[in-house]
Amino acid sequence: YSASKAAADLLVLSYANTFGTPCMI
């Protein structure tokens, strides 16, 4: 469970960094 959430967290942050997608956690 926590591994899947961590993967999602990193994916969200990667979109903010790579594409400038306006997201937060």
PDB file of all heavy atoms in Angstrom:
ATOM      1  N   TYR A   1       0.830  -1.208   0.000  1.00  0.00           N
ATOM      2  CA  TYR A   1       0.000   0.000   0.000  1.00  0.00           C
ATOM      3  C   TYR A   1       0.860   1.252   0.000  1.00  0.00           C
ATOM      4  O   TYR A   1       0.707   2.128  -0.865  1.00  0.00           O
ATOM      5  CB  TYR A   1      -0.929   0.014   1.208  1.00  0.00           C
ATOM      6  CG  TYR A   1      -1.421   1.398   1.551  1.00  0.00           C
ATOM      7  CD1 TYR A   1      -2.196   2.121   0.649  1.00  0.00           C
ATOM      8  CD2 TYR A   1      -1.102   2.001   2.769  1.00  0.00           C
ATOM      9  CE1 TYR A   1      -2.633   3.416   0.945  1.00  0.00           C
ATOM     10  CE2 TYR A   1      -1.543   3.278   3.075  1.00  0.00           C
ATOM     11  CZ  TYR A   1      -2.301   3.981   2.164  1.00  0.00           C
ATOM     12  OH  TYR A   1      -2.728   5.254   2.457  1.00  0.00           O
ATOM     13  N   SER A   2       1.748   1.377   0.979  1.00  0.00           N
ATOM     14  CA  SER A   2       2.554   2.594   1.076  1.00  0.00           C
ATOM     15  C   SER A   2       3.503   2.730  -0.106  1.00  0.00           C
ATOM     16  O   SER A   2       3.811   3.850  -0.537  1.00  0.00           O
ATOM     17  CB  SER A   2       3.322   2.630   2.398  1.00  0.00           C
ATOM     18  OG  SER A   2       4.146   1.502   2.572  1.00  0.00           O
ATOM     19  N   ALA A   3       3.945   1.603  -0.675  1.00  0.00           N
ATOM     20  CA  ALA A   3       4.803   1.669  -1.866  1.00  0.00           C
ATOM     21  C   ALA A   3       4.035   2.237  -3.053  1.00  0.00           C
ATOM     22  O   ALA A   3       4.564   3.036  -3.831  1.00  0.00           O
ATOM     23  CB  ALA A   3       5.347   0.284  -2.195  1.00  0.00           C
ATOM     24  N   SER A   4       2.771   1.841  -3.192  1.00  0.00           N
ATOM     25  CA  SER A   4       1.970   2.367  -4.302  1.00  0.00           C
ATOM     26  C   SER A   4       1.700   3.854  -4.118  1.00  0.00           C
ATOM     27  O   SER A   4       1.677   4.625  -5.089  1.00  0.00           O
ATOM     28  CB  SER A   4       0.652   1.597  -4.416  1.00  0.00           C
ATOM     29  OG  SER A   4      -0.216   1.852  -3.325  1.00  0.00           O
ATOM     30  N   LYS A   5       1.512   4.300  -2.878  1.00  0.00           N
ATOM     31  CA  LYS A   5       1.304   5.722  -2.622  1.00  0.00           C
ATOM     32  C   LYS A   5       2.596   6.510  -2.839  1.00  0.00           C
ATOM     33  O   LYS A   5       2.573   7.634  -3.366  1.00  0.00           O
ATOM     34  CB  LYS A   5       0.792   5.938  -1.195  1.00  0.00           C
ATOM     35  CG  LYS A   5      -0.593   5.396  -0.943  1.00  0.00           C
ATOM     36  CD  LYS A   5      -1.666   6.132  -1.737  1.00  0.00           C
ATOM     37  CE  LYS A   5      -1.970   7.495  -1.181  1.00  0.00           C
ATOM     38  NZ  LYS A   5      -3.109   8.153  -1.868  1.00  0.00           N
ATOM     39  N   ALA A   6       3.712   5.945  -2.447  1.00  0.00           N
ATOM     40  CA  ALA A   6       4.988   6.619  -2.678  1.00  0.00           C
ATOM     41  C   ALA A   6       5.268   6.760  -4.171  1.00  0.00           C
ATOM     42  O   ALA A   6       5.765   7.801  -4.632  1.00  0.00           O
ATOM     43  CB  ALA A   6       6.120   5.843  -1.999  1.00  0.00           C
ATOM     44  N   ALA A   7       4.937   5.716  -4.928  1.00  0.00           N
ATOM     45  CA  ALA A   7       5.106   5.783  -6.375  1.00  0.00           C
ATOM     46  C   ALA A   7       4.262   6.903  -6.965  1.00  0.00           C
ATOM     47  O   ALA A   7       4.711   7.671  -7.831  1.00  0.00           O
ATOM     48  CB  ALA A   7       4.743   4.447  -7.015  1.00  0.00           C
ATOM     49  N   ALA A   8       3.023   7.027  -6.481  1.00  0.00           N
ATOM     50  CA  ALA A   8       2.146   8.092  -6.957  1.00  0.00           C
ATOM     51  C   ALA A   8       2.691   9.464  -6.572  1.00  0.00           C
ATOM     52  O   ALA A   8       2.647  10.407  -7.368  1.00  0.00           O
ATOM     53  CB  ALA A   8       0.738   7.894  -6.395  1.00  0.00           C
ATOM     54  N   ASP A   9       3.186   9.593  -5.340  1.00  0.00           N
ATOM     55  CA  ASP A   9       3.786  10.858  -4.903  1.00  0.00           C
ATOM     56  C   ASP A   9       4.901  11.288  -5.848  1.00  0.00           C
ATOM     57  O   ASP A   9       4.975  12.452  -6.282  1.00  0.00           O
ATOM     58  CB  ASP A   9       4.373  10.716  -3.501  1.00  0.00           C
ATOM     59  CG  ASP A   9       3.330  10.813  -2.400  1.00  0.00           C
ATOM     60  OD1 ASP A   9       2.136  10.609  -2.692  1.00  0.00           O
ATOM     61  OD2 ASP A   9       3.713  11.091  -1.249  1.00  0.00           O
ATOM     62  N   LEU A  10       5.786  10.358  -6.144  1.00  0.00           N
ATOM     63  CA  LEU A  10       6.923  10.684  -7.011  1.00  0.00           C
ATOM     64  C   LEU A  10       6.462  11.031  -8.418  1.00  0.00           C
ATOM     65  O   LEU A  10       7.040  11.906  -9.076  1.00  0.00           O
ATOM     66  CB  LEU A  10       7.898   9.513  -7.032  1.00  0.00           C
ATOM     67  CG  LEU A  10       8.598   9.220  -5.695  1.00  0.00           C
ATOM     68  CD1 LEU A  10       9.459   7.970  -5.812  1.00  0.00           C
ATOM     69  CD2 LEU A  10       9.446  10.409  -5.246  1.00  0.00           C
ATOM     70  N   LEU A  11       5.418  10.366  -8.871  1.00  0.00           N
ATOM     71  CA  LEU A  11       4.866  10.668 -10.187  1.00  0.00           C
ATOM     72  C   LEU A  11       4.297  12.082 -10.216  1.00  0.00           C
ATOM     73  O   LEU A  11       4.528  12.851 -11.166  1.00  0.00           O
ATOM     74  CB  LEU A  11       3.795   9.641 -10.544  1.00  0.00           C
ATOM     75  CG  LEU A  11       3.349   9.541 -12.001  1.00  0.00           C
ATOM     76  CD1 LEU A  11       4.531   9.205 -12.903  1.00  0.00           C
ATOM     77  CD2 LEU A  11       2.263   8.479 -12.139  1.00  0.00           C
ATOM     78  N   VAL A  12       3.567  12.461  -9.176  1.00  0.00           N
ATOM     79  CA  VAL A  12       3.014  13.812  -9.094  1.00  0.00           C
ATOM     80  C   VAL A  12       4.132  14.847  -9.118  1.00  0.00           C
ATOM     81  O   VAL A  12       4.085  15.839  -9.867  1.00  0.00           O
ATOM     82  CB  VAL A  12       2.163  13.962  -7.813  1.00  0.00           C
ATOM     83  CG1 VAL A  12       1.794  15.426  -7.574  1.00  0.00           C
ATOM     84  CG2 VAL A  12       0.899  13.112  -7.912  1.00  0.00           C
ATOM     85  N   LEU A  13       5.150  14.638  -8.302  1.00  0.00           N
ATOM     86  CA  LEU A  13       6.254  15.606  -8.246  1.00  0.00           C
ATOM     87  C   LEU A  13       7.020  15.653  -9.560  1.00  0.00           C
ATOM     88  O   LEU A  13       7.527  16.715  -9.960  1.00  0.00           O
ATOM     89  CB  LEU A  13       7.185  15.252  -7.085  1.00  0.00           C
ATOM     90  CG  LEU A  13       6.564  15.393  -5.688  1.00  0.00           C
ATOM     91  CD1 LEU A  13       7.532  14.898  -4.619  1.00  0.00           C
ATOM     92  CD2 LEU A  13       6.160  16.837  -5.419  1.00  0.00           C
ATOM     93  N   SER A  14       7.100  14.517 -10.249  1.00  0.00           N
ATOM     94  CA  SER A  14       7.798  14.504 -11.537  1.00  0.00           C
ATOM     95  C   SER A  14       7.054  15.327 -12.582  1.00  0.00           C
ATOM     96  O   SER A  14       7.665  15.977 -13.430  1.00  0.00           O
ATOM     97  CB  SER A  14       7.986  13.061 -12.029  1.00  0.00           C
ATOM     98  OG  SER A  14       6.775  12.521 -12.554  1.00  0.00           O
ATOM     99  N   TYR A  15       5.717  15.311 -12.534  1.00  0.00           N
ATOM    100  CA  TYR A  15       4.931  16.114 -13.470  1.00  0.00           C
ATOM    101  C   TYR A  15       5.083  17.605 -13.173  1.00  0.00           C
ATOM    102  O   TYR A  15       5.135  18.426 -14.088  1.00  0.00           O
ATOM    103  CB  TYR A  15       3.454  15.701 -13.419  1.00  0.00           C
ATOM    104  CG  TYR A  15       3.102  14.655 -14.452  1.00  0.00           C
ATOM    105  CD1 TYR A  15       3.685  13.390 -14.407  1.00  0.00           C
ATOM    106  CD2 TYR A  15       2.216  14.926 -15.484  1.00  0.00           C
ATOM    107  CE1 TYR A  15       3.372  12.426 -15.346  1.00  0.00           C
ATOM    108  CE2 TYR A  15       1.901  13.964 -16.440  1.00  0.00           C
ATOM    109  CZ  TYR A  15       2.483  12.723 -16.368  1.00  0.00           C
ATOM    110  OH  TYR A  15       2.185  11.768 -17.317  1.00  0.00           O
ATOM    111  N   ALA A  16       5.161  17.933 -11.886  1.00  0.00           N
ATOM    112  CA  ALA A  16       5.381  19.337 -11.524  1.00  0.00           C
ATOM    113  C   ALA A  16       6.738  19.806 -12.029  1.00  0.00           C
ATOM    114  O   ALA A  16       6.878  20.918 -12.554  1.00  0.00           O
ATOM    115  CB  ALA A  16       5.283  19.507 -10.016  1.00  0.00           C
ATOM    116  N   ASN A  17       7.743  18.938 -11.916  1.00  0.00           N
ATOM    117  CA  ASN A  17       9.107  19.311 -12.316  1.00  0.00           C
ATOM    118  C   ASN A  17       9.300  19.284 -13.827  1.00  0.00           C
ATOM    119  O   ASN A  17       9.897  20.195 -14.412  1.00  0.00           O
ATOM    120  CB  ASN A  17      10.108  18.367 -11.648  1.00  0.00           C
ATOM    121  CG  ASN A  17      11.542  18.688 -12.005  1.00  0.00           C
ATOM    122  OD1 ASN A  17      12.066  19.728 -11.611  1.00  0.00           O
ATOM    123  ND2 ASN A  17      12.182  17.799 -12.758  1.00  0.00           N
ATOM    124  N   THR A  18       8.775  18.261 -14.487  1.00  0.00           N
ATOM    125  CA  THR A  18       9.028  18.068 -15.915  1.00  0.00           C
ATOM    126  C   THR A  18       8.125  18.934 -16.794  1.00  0.00           C
ATOM    127  O   THR A  18       8.595  19.568 -17.747  1.00  0.00           O
ATOM    128  CB  THR A  18       8.836  16.585 -16.295  1.00  0.00           C
ATOM    129  OG1 THR A  18       9.668  15.779 -15.466  1.00  0.00           O
ATOM    130  CG2 THR A  18       9.193  16.349 -17.754  1.00  0.00           C
ATOM    131  N   PHE A  19       6.848  18.955 -16.447  1.00  0.00           N
ATOM    132  CA  PHE A  19       5.877  19.625 -17.308  1.00  0.00           C
ATOM    133  C   PHE A  19       5.337  20.930 -16.719  1.00  0.00           C
ATOM    134  O   PHE A  19       4.564  21.627 -17.380  1.00  0.00           O
ATOM    135  CB  PHE A  19       4.692  18.690 -17.583  1.00  0.00           C
ATOM    136  CG  PHE A  19       5.095  17.354 -18.153  1.00  0.00           C
ATOM    137  CD1 PHE A  19       4.916  16.196 -17.419  1.00  0.00           C
ATOM    138  CD2 PHE A  19       5.647  17.261 -19.425  1.00  0.00           C
ATOM    139  CE1 PHE A  19       5.285  14.957 -17.939  1.00  0.00           C
ATOM    140  CE2 PHE A  19       6.018  16.033 -19.954  1.00  0.00           C
ATOM    141  CZ  PHE A  19       5.838  14.881 -19.209  1.00  0.00           C
ATOM    142  N   GLY A  20       5.710  21.223 -15.481  1.00  0.00           N
ATOM    143  CA  GLY A  20       5.151  22.403 -14.834  1.00  0.00           C
ATOM    144  C   GLY A  20       3.696  22.232 -14.465  1.00  0.00           C
ATOM    145  O   GLY A  20       2.978  23.220 -14.284  1.00  0.00           O
ATOM    146  N   THR A  21       3.242  20.990 -14.352  1.00  0.00           N
ATOM    147  CA  THR A  21       1.851  20.737 -13.979  1.00  0.00           C
ATOM    148  C   THR A  21       1.597  21.290 -12.589  1.00  0.00           C
ATOM    149  O   THR A  21       2.345  20.991 -11.647  1.00  0.00           O
ATOM    150  CB  THR A  21       1.564  19.220 -14.001  1.00  0.00           C
ATOM    151  OG1 THR A  21       1.948  18.688 -15.271  1.00  0.00           O
ATOM    152  CG2 THR A  21       0.087  18.942 -13.763  1.00  0.00           C
ATOM    153  N   PRO A  22       0.564  22.097 -12.404  1.00  0.00           N
ATOM    154  CA  PRO A  22       0.328  22.748 -11.106  1.00  0.00           C
ATOM    155  C   PRO A  22      -0.267  21.789 -10.084  1.00  0.00           C
ATOM    156  O   PRO A  22      -1.481  21.651  -9.962  1.00  0.00           O
ATOM    157  CB  PRO A  22      -0.644  23.873 -11.447  1.00  0.00           C
ATOM    158  CG  PRO A  22      -1.358  23.396 -12.665  1.00  0.00           C
ATOM    159  CD  PRO A  22      -0.398  22.552 -13.435  1.00  0.00           C
ATOM    160  N   CYS A  23       0.594  21.094  -9.353  1.00  0.00           N
ATOM    161  CA  CYS A  23       0.118  20.104  -8.404  1.00  0.00           C
ATOM    162  C   CYS A  23       0.880  20.194  -7.092  1.00  0.00           C
ATOM    163  O   CYS A  23       1.983  20.750  -7.024  1.00  0.00           O
ATOM    164  CB  CYS A  23       0.206  18.701  -8.989  1.00  0.00           C
ATOM    165  SG  CYS A  23       1.724  18.317  -9.847  1.00  0.00           S
ATOM    166  N   MET A  24       0.289  19.629  -6.054  1.00  0.00           N
ATOM    167  CA  MET A  24       0.878  19.586  -4.723  1.00  0.00           C
ATOM    168  C   MET A  24       0.391  18.334  -4.021  1.00  0.00           C
ATOM    169  O   MET A  24      -0.523  17.653  -4.503  1.00  0.00           O
ATOM    170  CB  MET A  24       0.508  20.838  -3.929  1.00  0.00           C
ATOM    171  CG  MET A  24      -0.986  21.011  -3.732  1.00  0.00           C
ATOM    172  SD  MET A  24      -1.418  22.552  -2.900  1.00  0.00           S
ATOM    173  CE  MET A  24      -0.918  23.746  -4.127  1.00  0.00           C
ATOM    174  N   ILE A  25       0.988  18.039  -2.870  1.00  0.00           N
ATOM    175  CA  ILE A  25       0.687  16.801  -2.143  1.00  0.00           C
ATOM    176  C   ILE A  25       0.494  17.107  -0.668  1.00  0.00           C
ATOM    177  O   ILE A  25       1.216  17.924  -0.093  1.00  0.00           O
ATOM    178  CB  ILE A  25       1.844  15.783  -2.291  1.00  0.00           C
ATOM    179  CG1 ILE A  25       2.012  15.350  -3.748  1.00  0.00           C
ATOM    180  CG2 ILE A  25       1.621  14.559  -1.407  1.00  0.00           C
ATOM    181  CD1 ILE A  25       3.271  14.534  -3.994  1.00  0.00           C
TER     182      ILE A  25
END
